[in-house]
Amino acid sequence: MPLCVLARRRGPAASNVARWWVGKVRCAAVAVSQVNVKGGRAPDAAQRLFDELKMKFGYMGTIDHSKVGTPDLFRILKVARNAGDFNWALQAMNLFYNFGVKLKHREIASRLVAAAMVCKVESEAAEIVKLYGTWLERPPDIALVYGVMGHYLDAGELLVVRELAQAVREDWRMPVEPPLYALSIEAMLRLTENAVPEALQLHQDARAVGVRLPAALHTRLLDAALATVQDEVAGAVQAADEGAEGASISDAALQHLKASLEVADGLLRDGHLLGGGNAASLCSAAWLFWHLAALPEVARAELLEGADPAGVVAFMNRDWSRVLRAATEDFGCHWGFSGQLPRGFFQALEASSDPKVAELVSLSRQRFGRFYPEM
């Protein structure tokens, strides 16, 4: 009913209807004031919500705790789009703490992390993950933590990924799961120095806490260690051809082979080899056995002296050709298929002049088809 018609009427009913219309108009005016010309939110929407919240406290700071609380903070976080808006949310939290307003909602840390990522202040999200326990009761959702770690992994800030993994690992309130080690191990493998030893420490920690890692993560670390061994061996051969001393390089290669054995034991222990493994896992194991077979007898005996006799050293009698044939035979099965095979292994096979090795290379090309790694 138009307001001009209500104005000509009299009586309590007309007054009530008029007050209802006035309230509607005021709400519409507030909504319009918070919308810009493009249909989005006003640039200062977060500041306006903070000012409205601040007015609820009054001049003397006397407030009704039943009317002020977490929903007010969530409204500011909902409209936050940049660093300035996120700062208004932090000021709102500071206001709550100064006046003793309890913030016990279980999603506060999660929403703060999500808002920080939306507002492009990723450093604030990392600090919340590491320091939430000093001022919040519940941790952020672990999926959001993985998102923050993934962002820093893509950005190349690898040490930040390790710091976040350490914070989660040392916090009893956060679950320790395989994705935590997948992100942190991948970050360590991208380091320019000591990549394999740093990743191996995380691999050992997963075993210590009883986390079963996926096969792809085991093979990723195993392939990285074996690629380092192959580089060291190639360097030793070149040094020997030039008449230089290559003992130190051989020592480094043995250390990486020892690490490879430990990772392969994890691959076996977590159930990714016995009973049928996929082609990537079997090819990586065959690559390991290839390097073991190429070692001198004394060096191989010394390397296997401390190995677990029931571990990977007992798998198919360490026969690399037998393991490779098993990978080709099972490649057509849904559980034996792998889209990524270790390039370094087949590169070493193709460099060999042994006719039996050439036969296995031909078989691998035939069975793996387009998934055979091109050199």
Protein backbone atom coordinates (compact mmCIF):
# COMPACT_ATOMS: atom_id res chain seq x y z
CA MET A 1 0.00 0.00 0.00
CA PRO A 2 1.51 3.42 -0.90
CA LEU A 3 2.63 5.66 1.95
CA CYS A 4 0.50 8.52 0.63
CA VAL A 5 -2.65 6.41 1.16
CA LEU A 6 -1.48 5.43 4.66
CA ALA A 7 -0.91 9.06 5.49
CA ARG A 8 -4.59 9.90 4.83
CA ARG A 9 -5.78 7.06 7.11
CA ARG A 10 -6.09 7.24 10.84
CA GLY A 11 -6.16 4.71 13.62
CA PRO A 12 -3.73 2.27 15.29
CA ALA A 13 -3.86 -0.21 12.41
CA ALA A 14 -2.74 2.40 9.90
CA SER A 15 0.09 3.49 12.24
CA ASN A 16 1.36 -0.06 12.58
CA VAL A 17 1.33 -0.59 8.81
CA ALA A 18 3.12 2.72 8.29
CA ARG A 19 5.83 1.79 10.80
CA TRP A 20 6.27 -1.56 9.04
CA TRP A 21 6.71 0.19 5.68
CA VAL A 22 9.20 2.67 7.14
CA GLY A 23 11.25 -0.18 8.60
CA LYS A 24 11.28 -1.92 5.23
CA VAL A 25 12.42 1.24 3.48
CA ARG A 26 15.24 1.74 5.99
CA CYS A 27 16.44 -1.86 5.55
CA ALA A 28 16.39 -1.42 1.80
CA ALA A 29 18.36 1.80 2.11
CA VAL A 30 21.02 0.09 4.23
CA ALA A 31 21.23 -2.79 1.74
CA VAL A 32 21.58 -0.37 -1.18
CA SER A 33 24.28 1.56 0.66
CA GLN A 34 26.34 -1.64 0.96
CA VAL A 35 26.15 -2.46 -2.76
CA ASN A 36 28.25 -0.71 -5.38
CA VAL A 37 27.19 0.21 -8.89
CA LYS A 38 28.50 -3.05 -10.37
CA GLY A 39 26.32 -5.22 -8.16
CA GLY A 40 29.08 -6.35 -5.78
CA ARG A 41 29.79 -5.36 -2.19
CA ALA A 42 30.81 -1.88 -1.22
CA PRO A 43 34.57 -1.41 -0.80
CA ASP A 44 34.10 -0.31 2.81
CA ALA A 45 31.56 -2.97 3.79
CA ALA A 46 33.90 -4.53 6.35
CA GLN A 47 34.63 -1.14 7.93
CA ARG A 48 30.92 -0.33 8.14
CA LEU A 49 30.21 -3.61 9.87
CA PHE A 50 33.04 -2.94 12.31
CA ASP A 51 31.68 0.54 13.05
CA GLU A 52 28.21 -0.91 13.67
CA LEU A 53 29.76 -3.49 15.98
CA LYS A 54 31.72 -0.80 17.82
CA MET A 55 28.56 1.21 18.42
CA LYS A 56 27.02 -1.76 20.25
CA PHE A 57 29.57 -1.40 23.03
CA GLY A 58 28.44 2.09 23.99
CA TYR A 59 30.50 4.94 25.37
CA MET A 60 31.18 3.17 28.69
CA GLY A 61 31.88 -0.23 27.20
CA THR A 62 28.78 -1.80 28.71
CA ILE A 63 27.45 -4.51 26.42
CA ASP A 64 24.90 -7.26 26.34
CA HIS A 65 26.91 -10.44 25.73
CA SER A 66 23.84 -12.16 24.34
CA LYS A 67 23.70 -9.64 21.48
CA VAL A 68 27.41 -9.37 20.63
CA GLY A 69 29.60 -12.32 19.73
CA THR A 70 30.97 -14.61 17.05
CA PRO A 71 28.25 -13.90 14.42
CA ASP A 72 29.41 -10.28 14.26
CA LEU A 73 32.95 -11.44 13.49
CA PHE A 74 31.69 -13.89 10.87
CA ARG A 75 29.76 -11.12 9.10
CA ILE A 76 32.96 -9.09 8.72
CA LEU A 77 34.91 -12.11 7.50
CA LYS A 78 32.18 -12.86 4.98
CA VAL A 79 32.58 -9.51 3.21
CA ALA A 80 36.39 -9.34 3.55
CA ARG A 81 38.12 -9.18 0.15
CA ASN A 82 41.51 -7.54 0.76
CA ALA A 83 44.15 -6.98 3.41
CA GLY A 84 42.38 -3.90 4.77
CA ASP A 85 39.12 -5.80 5.27
CA PHE A 86 41.00 -8.59 7.04
CA ASN A 87 42.53 -6.05 9.40
CA TRP A 88 39.04 -4.88 10.37
CA ALA A 89 38.22 -8.47 11.33
CA LEU A 90 41.35 -8.61 13.48
CA GLN A 91 40.36 -5.33 15.14
CA ALA A 92 36.94 -6.79 15.87
CA MET A 93 38.60 -9.76 17.61
CA ASN A 94 40.80 -7.39 19.58
CA LEU A 95 37.68 -5.47 20.62
CA PHE A 96 36.04 -8.68 21.80
CA TYR A 97 39.06 -9.63 23.90
CA ASN A 98 39.38 -6.17 25.42
CA PHE A 99 35.78 -6.27 26.64
CA GLY A 100 35.73 -9.91 27.66
CA VAL A 101 33.49 -11.26 24.89
CA LYS A 102 33.96 -15.04 24.70
CA LEU A 103 34.92 -16.50 21.33
CA LYS A 104 34.48 -20.26 21.59
CA HIS A 105 33.01 -21.13 18.21
CA ARG A 106 34.75 -24.15 16.72
CA GLU A 107 35.05 -22.57 13.25
CA ILE A 108 36.80 -19.33 14.19
CA ALA A 109 40.29 -20.49 13.27
CA SER A 110 39.05 -22.14 10.06
CA ARG A 111 37.20 -19.03 8.92
CA LEU A 112 40.16 -16.82 9.75
CA VAL A 113 42.45 -19.01 7.61
CA ALA A 114 39.93 -19.07 4.76
CA ALA A 115 39.44 -15.30 4.91
CA ALA A 116 43.19 -14.71 4.96
CA MET A 117 43.60 -16.75 1.78
CA VAL A 118 40.71 -14.92 0.09
CA CYS A 119 42.19 -11.56 1.09
CA LYS A 120 45.60 -12.53 -0.34
CA VAL A 121 47.36 -12.27 3.04
CA GLU A 122 48.73 -15.80 3.00
CA SER A 123 51.34 -14.98 5.63
CA GLU A 124 48.52 -14.32 8.11
CA ALA A 125 47.03 -17.72 7.29
CA ALA A 126 50.37 -19.40 7.99
CA GLU A 127 50.72 -17.55 11.30
CA ILE A 128 47.22 -18.60 12.33
CA VAL A 129 48.07 -22.25 11.65
CA LYS A 130 51.25 -22.02 13.71
CA LEU A 131 50.03 -19.80 16.58
CA TYR A 132 46.27 -20.33 16.91
CA GLY A 133 46.77 -22.27 20.14
CA THR A 134 47.87 -19.13 22.00
CA TRP A 135 44.46 -17.45 21.66
CA LEU A 136 41.94 -19.89 20.19
CA GLU A 137 40.53 -23.12 21.57
CA ARG A 138 40.18 -25.17 18.38
CA PRO A 139 42.54 -25.65 15.42
CA PRO A 140 41.67 -24.76 11.82
CA ASP A 141 40.26 -27.48 9.61
CA ILE A 142 43.09 -29.69 8.39
CA ALA A 143 41.88 -29.41 4.76
CA LEU A 144 42.43 -25.64 4.94
CA VAL A 145 45.91 -26.24 6.33
CA TYR A 146 46.66 -28.46 3.32
CA GLY A 147 45.40 -25.66 1.10
CA VAL A 148 47.81 -23.17 2.67
CA MET A 149 50.67 -25.66 2.33
CA GLY A 150 49.76 -26.24 -1.30
CA HIS A 151 49.80 -22.51 -1.97
CA TYR A 152 53.31 -22.11 -0.58
CA LEU A 153 54.43 -25.23 -2.44
CA ASP A 154 53.24 -23.73 -5.74
CA ALA A 155 54.82 -20.40 -4.82
CA GLY A 156 58.19 -22.07 -4.26
CA GLU A 157 58.42 -21.12 -0.57
CA LEU A 158 59.46 -24.62 0.41
CA LEU A 159 60.71 -23.92 3.91
CA VAL A 160 57.34 -22.44 4.87
CA VAL A 161 55.73 -25.75 3.87
CA ARG A 162 58.10 -27.55 6.22
CA GLU A 163 57.32 -25.10 9.04
CA LEU A 164 53.60 -25.68 8.62
CA ALA A 165 54.12 -29.45 8.59
CA GLN A 166 56.16 -29.17 11.77
CA ALA A 167 53.42 -27.10 13.44
CA VAL A 168 50.81 -29.73 12.59
CA ARG A 169 53.09 -32.58 13.62
CA GLU A 170 53.72 -31.04 17.06
CA ASP A 171 50.05 -30.19 17.73
CA TRP A 172 48.11 -33.01 19.35
CA ARG A 173 44.82 -31.39 18.33
CA MET A 174 45.54 -31.76 14.61
CA PRO A 175 45.38 -35.13 12.81
CA VAL A 176 48.58 -36.42 11.20
CA GLU A 177 47.59 -37.83 7.82
CA PRO A 178 49.29 -38.90 4.56
CA PRO A 179 48.56 -35.60 2.73
CA LEU A 180 50.69 -33.80 5.31
CA TYR A 181 53.71 -35.91 4.37
CA ALA A 182 52.88 -35.81 0.66
CA LEU A 183 53.04 -32.00 0.60
CA SER A 184 56.07 -31.68 2.85
CA ILE A 185 58.10 -34.45 1.14
CA GLU A 186 57.35 -32.93 -2.26
CA ALA A 187 58.55 -29.57 -0.97
CA MET A 188 61.78 -31.05 0.32
CA LEU A 189 62.44 -32.85 -2.96
CA ARG A 190 62.32 -29.49 -4.72
CA LEU A 191 65.17 -28.09 -2.64
CA THR A 192 68.37 -27.36 -4.49
CA GLU A 193 70.57 -28.86 -1.75
CA ASN A 194 70.15 -31.95 0.46
CA ALA A 195 66.76 -32.67 -1.07
CA VAL A 196 66.76 -36.45 -0.55
CA PRO A 197 68.09 -36.42 3.05
CA GLU A 198 65.52 -33.78 4.07
CA ALA A 199 62.68 -35.75 2.46
CA LEU A 200 63.97 -38.98 4.01
CA GLN A 201 63.65 -37.50 7.49
CA LEU A 202 59.95 -36.87 6.87
CA HIS A 203 59.58 -40.38 5.46
CA GLN A 204 61.11 -41.79 8.64
CA ASP A 205 58.82 -39.66 10.78
CA ALA A 206 55.77 -41.07 9.00
CA ARG A 207 56.94 -44.54 9.89
CA ALA A 208 57.54 -43.52 13.50
CA VAL A 209 53.96 -42.28 13.95
CA GLY A 210 52.43 -45.18 12.03
CA VAL A 211 51.13 -43.25 9.02
CA ARG A 212 50.68 -45.46 5.96
CA LEU A 213 51.87 -43.52 2.92
CA PRO A 214 50.49 -44.05 -0.59
CA ALA A 215 52.55 -45.90 -3.18
CA ALA A 216 52.99 -42.80 -5.33
CA LEU A 217 54.72 -40.98 -2.48
CA HIS A 218 57.10 -43.88 -1.78
CA THR A 219 58.03 -44.17 -5.45
CA ARG A 220 58.45 -40.39 -5.77
CA LEU A 221 61.10 -40.40 -3.05
CA LEU A 222 62.63 -43.68 -4.23
CA ASP A 223 63.00 -42.41 -7.80
CA ALA A 224 64.59 -39.18 -6.57
CA ALA A 225 67.14 -41.11 -4.50
CA LEU A 226 67.93 -43.50 -7.36
CA ALA A 227 68.29 -40.62 -9.81
CA THR A 228 70.89 -39.14 -7.48
CA VAL A 229 72.66 -42.50 -7.34
CA GLN A 230 72.68 -42.66 -11.14
CA ASP A 231 74.18 -39.17 -11.36
CA GLU A 232 76.84 -40.07 -8.81
CA VAL A 233 77.71 -43.27 -10.67
CA ALA A 234 77.92 -41.42 -13.98
CA GLY A 235 80.20 -38.86 -12.37
CA ALA A 236 82.39 -41.59 -10.92
CA VAL A 237 82.74 -43.25 -14.33
CA GLN A 238 83.68 -39.97 -15.93
CA ALA A 239 86.20 -39.24 -13.18
CA ALA A 240 87.73 -42.71 -13.61
CA ASP A 241 88.05 -42.16 -17.35
CA GLU A 242 89.85 -38.88 -16.70
CA GLY A 243 92.18 -40.51 -14.17
CA ALA A 244 90.75 -38.62 -11.20
CA GLU A 245 89.89 -40.02 -7.77
CA GLY A 246 86.22 -40.95 -7.49
CA ALA A 247 86.02 -42.55 -4.05
CA SER A 248 84.09 -39.68 -2.47
CA ILE A 249 81.44 -39.83 -5.17
CA SER A 250 81.11 -43.58 -4.66
CA ASP A 251 80.59 -43.02 -0.95
CA ALA A 252 77.81 -40.56 -1.70
CA ALA A 253 76.23 -43.06 -4.07
CA LEU A 254 76.29 -45.75 -1.39
CA GLN A 255 74.61 -43.41 1.07
CA HIS A 256 71.81 -42.71 -1.38
CA LEU A 257 71.48 -46.41 -2.12
CA LYS A 258 71.08 -47.03 1.59
CA ALA A 259 68.35 -44.41 1.69
CA SER A 260 66.73 -46.05 -1.33
CA LEU A 261 66.64 -49.39 0.49
CA GLU A 262 64.92 -47.75 3.45
CA VAL A 263 62.28 -46.14 1.23
CA ALA A 264 61.72 -49.41 -0.65
CA ASP A 265 61.22 -51.16 2.68
CA GLY A 266 58.44 -48.67 3.38
CA LEU A 267 56.92 -49.43 -0.01
CA LEU A 268 56.86 -53.12 0.91
CA ARG A 269 55.78 -52.54 4.51
CA ASP A 270 52.76 -50.46 3.49
CA GLY A 271 51.55 -53.25 1.20
CA HIS A 272 52.36 -51.81 -2.21
CA LEU A 273 54.54 -54.66 -3.56
CA LEU A 274 53.42 -58.02 -2.17
CA GLY A 275 50.24 -59.35 -3.67
CA GLY A 276 50.75 -57.33 -6.84
CA GLY A 277 52.03 -53.80 -7.15
CA ASN A 278 51.43 -51.24 -9.85
CA ALA A 279 53.88 -50.77 -12.69
CA ALA A 280 55.48 -47.64 -11.22
CA SER A 281 56.24 -49.34 -7.90
CA LEU A 282 57.63 -52.45 -9.57
CA CYS A 283 59.77 -50.47 -12.01
CA SER A 284 61.20 -48.41 -9.16
CA ALA A 285 62.01 -51.60 -7.25
CA ALA A 286 63.62 -53.05 -10.39
CA TRP A 287 65.68 -49.87 -10.73
CA LEU A 288 66.93 -50.33 -7.16
CA PHE A 289 67.87 -53.95 -7.81
CA TRP A 290 69.60 -52.89 -11.05
CA HIS A 291 71.94 -50.62 -9.06
CA LEU A 292 72.48 -53.27 -6.39
CA ALA A 293 73.45 -55.82 -9.03
CA ALA A 294 75.96 -53.37 -10.52
CA LEU A 295 77.80 -52.93 -7.21
CA PRO A 296 81.02 -54.81 -6.44
CA GLU A 297 80.44 -57.84 -4.23
CA VAL A 298 82.20 -56.31 -1.21
CA ALA A 299 80.27 -53.03 -1.44
CA ARG A 300 76.96 -54.83 -1.90
CA ALA A 301 77.58 -57.08 1.10
CA GLU A 302 78.45 -54.08 3.23
CA LEU A 303 75.35 -52.22 2.09
CA LEU A 304 73.00 -55.15 2.76
CA GLU A 305 74.56 -56.05 6.10
CA GLY A 306 72.19 -53.94 8.15
CA ALA A 307 69.14 -54.42 5.90
CA ASP A 308 66.00 -56.18 7.09
CA PRO A 309 66.18 -59.77 5.76
CA ALA A 310 62.39 -59.84 5.51
CA GLY A 311 62.27 -56.47 3.77
CA VAL A 312 62.58 -55.49 0.15
CA VAL A 313 65.91 -57.36 -0.21
CA ALA A 314 63.90 -60.61 -0.15
CA PHE A 315 61.42 -59.45 -2.81
CA MET A 316 61.76 -61.66 -5.90
CA ASN A 317 65.35 -62.50 -4.92
CA ARG A 318 66.41 -58.97 -5.91
CA ASP A 319 66.17 -59.99 -9.59
CA TRP A 320 65.55 -56.73 -11.45
CA SER A 321 64.63 -58.45 -14.71
CA ARG A 322 62.02 -60.62 -12.99
CA VAL A 323 60.49 -57.57 -11.31
CA LEU A 324 60.41 -55.67 -14.60
CA ARG A 325 58.68 -58.58 -16.34
CA ALA A 326 56.08 -58.63 -13.55
CA ALA A 327 55.45 -54.93 -14.17
CA THR A 328 54.88 -55.53 -17.88
CA GLU A 329 52.61 -58.52 -17.29
CA ASP A 330 50.31 -56.69 -14.87
CA PHE A 331 50.23 -53.38 -16.74
CA GLY A 332 46.91 -54.18 -18.38
CA CYS A 333 45.15 -54.64 -15.03
CA HIS A 334 43.42 -51.72 -13.34
CA TRP A 335 45.55 -52.24 -10.23
CA GLY A 336 48.78 -52.67 -12.18
CA PHE A 337 48.48 -49.64 -14.43
CA SER A 338 50.59 -46.52 -13.88
CA GLY A 339 50.64 -43.39 -15.97
CA GLN A 340 54.14 -42.35 -14.89
CA LEU A 341 57.12 -44.67 -15.02
CA PRO A 342 60.68 -43.90 -13.83
CA ARG A 343 62.46 -42.31 -16.78
CA GLY A 344 65.93 -42.79 -15.28
CA PHE A 345 65.52 -46.55 -15.08
CA PHE A 346 64.72 -46.97 -18.75
CA GLN A 347 67.41 -44.49 -19.66
CA ALA A 348 69.94 -46.73 -17.90
CA LEU A 349 68.54 -49.81 -19.66
CA GLU A 350 68.76 -48.21 -23.08
CA ALA A 351 72.38 -47.25 -22.43
CA SER A 352 73.32 -50.89 -21.80
CA SER A 353 74.88 -52.99 -24.56
CA ASP A 354 73.65 -56.32 -23.14
CA PRO A 355 71.33 -58.13 -25.63
CA LYS A 356 69.12 -59.42 -22.79
CA VAL A 357 68.63 -55.88 -21.54
CA ALA A 358 67.76 -54.75 -25.08
CA GLU A 359 65.16 -57.52 -25.23
CA LEU A 360 63.56 -56.29 -22.02
CA VAL A 361 63.55 -52.73 -23.34
CA SER A 362 61.73 -53.92 -26.46
CA LEU A 363 59.22 -55.82 -24.31
CA SER A 364 58.66 -52.75 -22.13
CA ARG A 365 58.04 -50.55 -25.15
CA GLN A 366 55.50 -53.03 -26.46
CA ARG A 367 53.64 -53.50 -23.16
CA PHE A 368 53.73 -49.93 -21.85
CA GLY A 369 52.91 -48.39 -25.21
CA ARG A 370 52.45 -44.64 -25.10
CA PHE A 371 53.19 -44.66 -21.38
CA TYR A 372 56.76 -45.74 -21.97
CA PRO A 373 58.90 -42.74 -20.90
CA GLU A 374 60.49 -41.09 -23.93
CA MET A 375 64.09 -40.00 -23.51
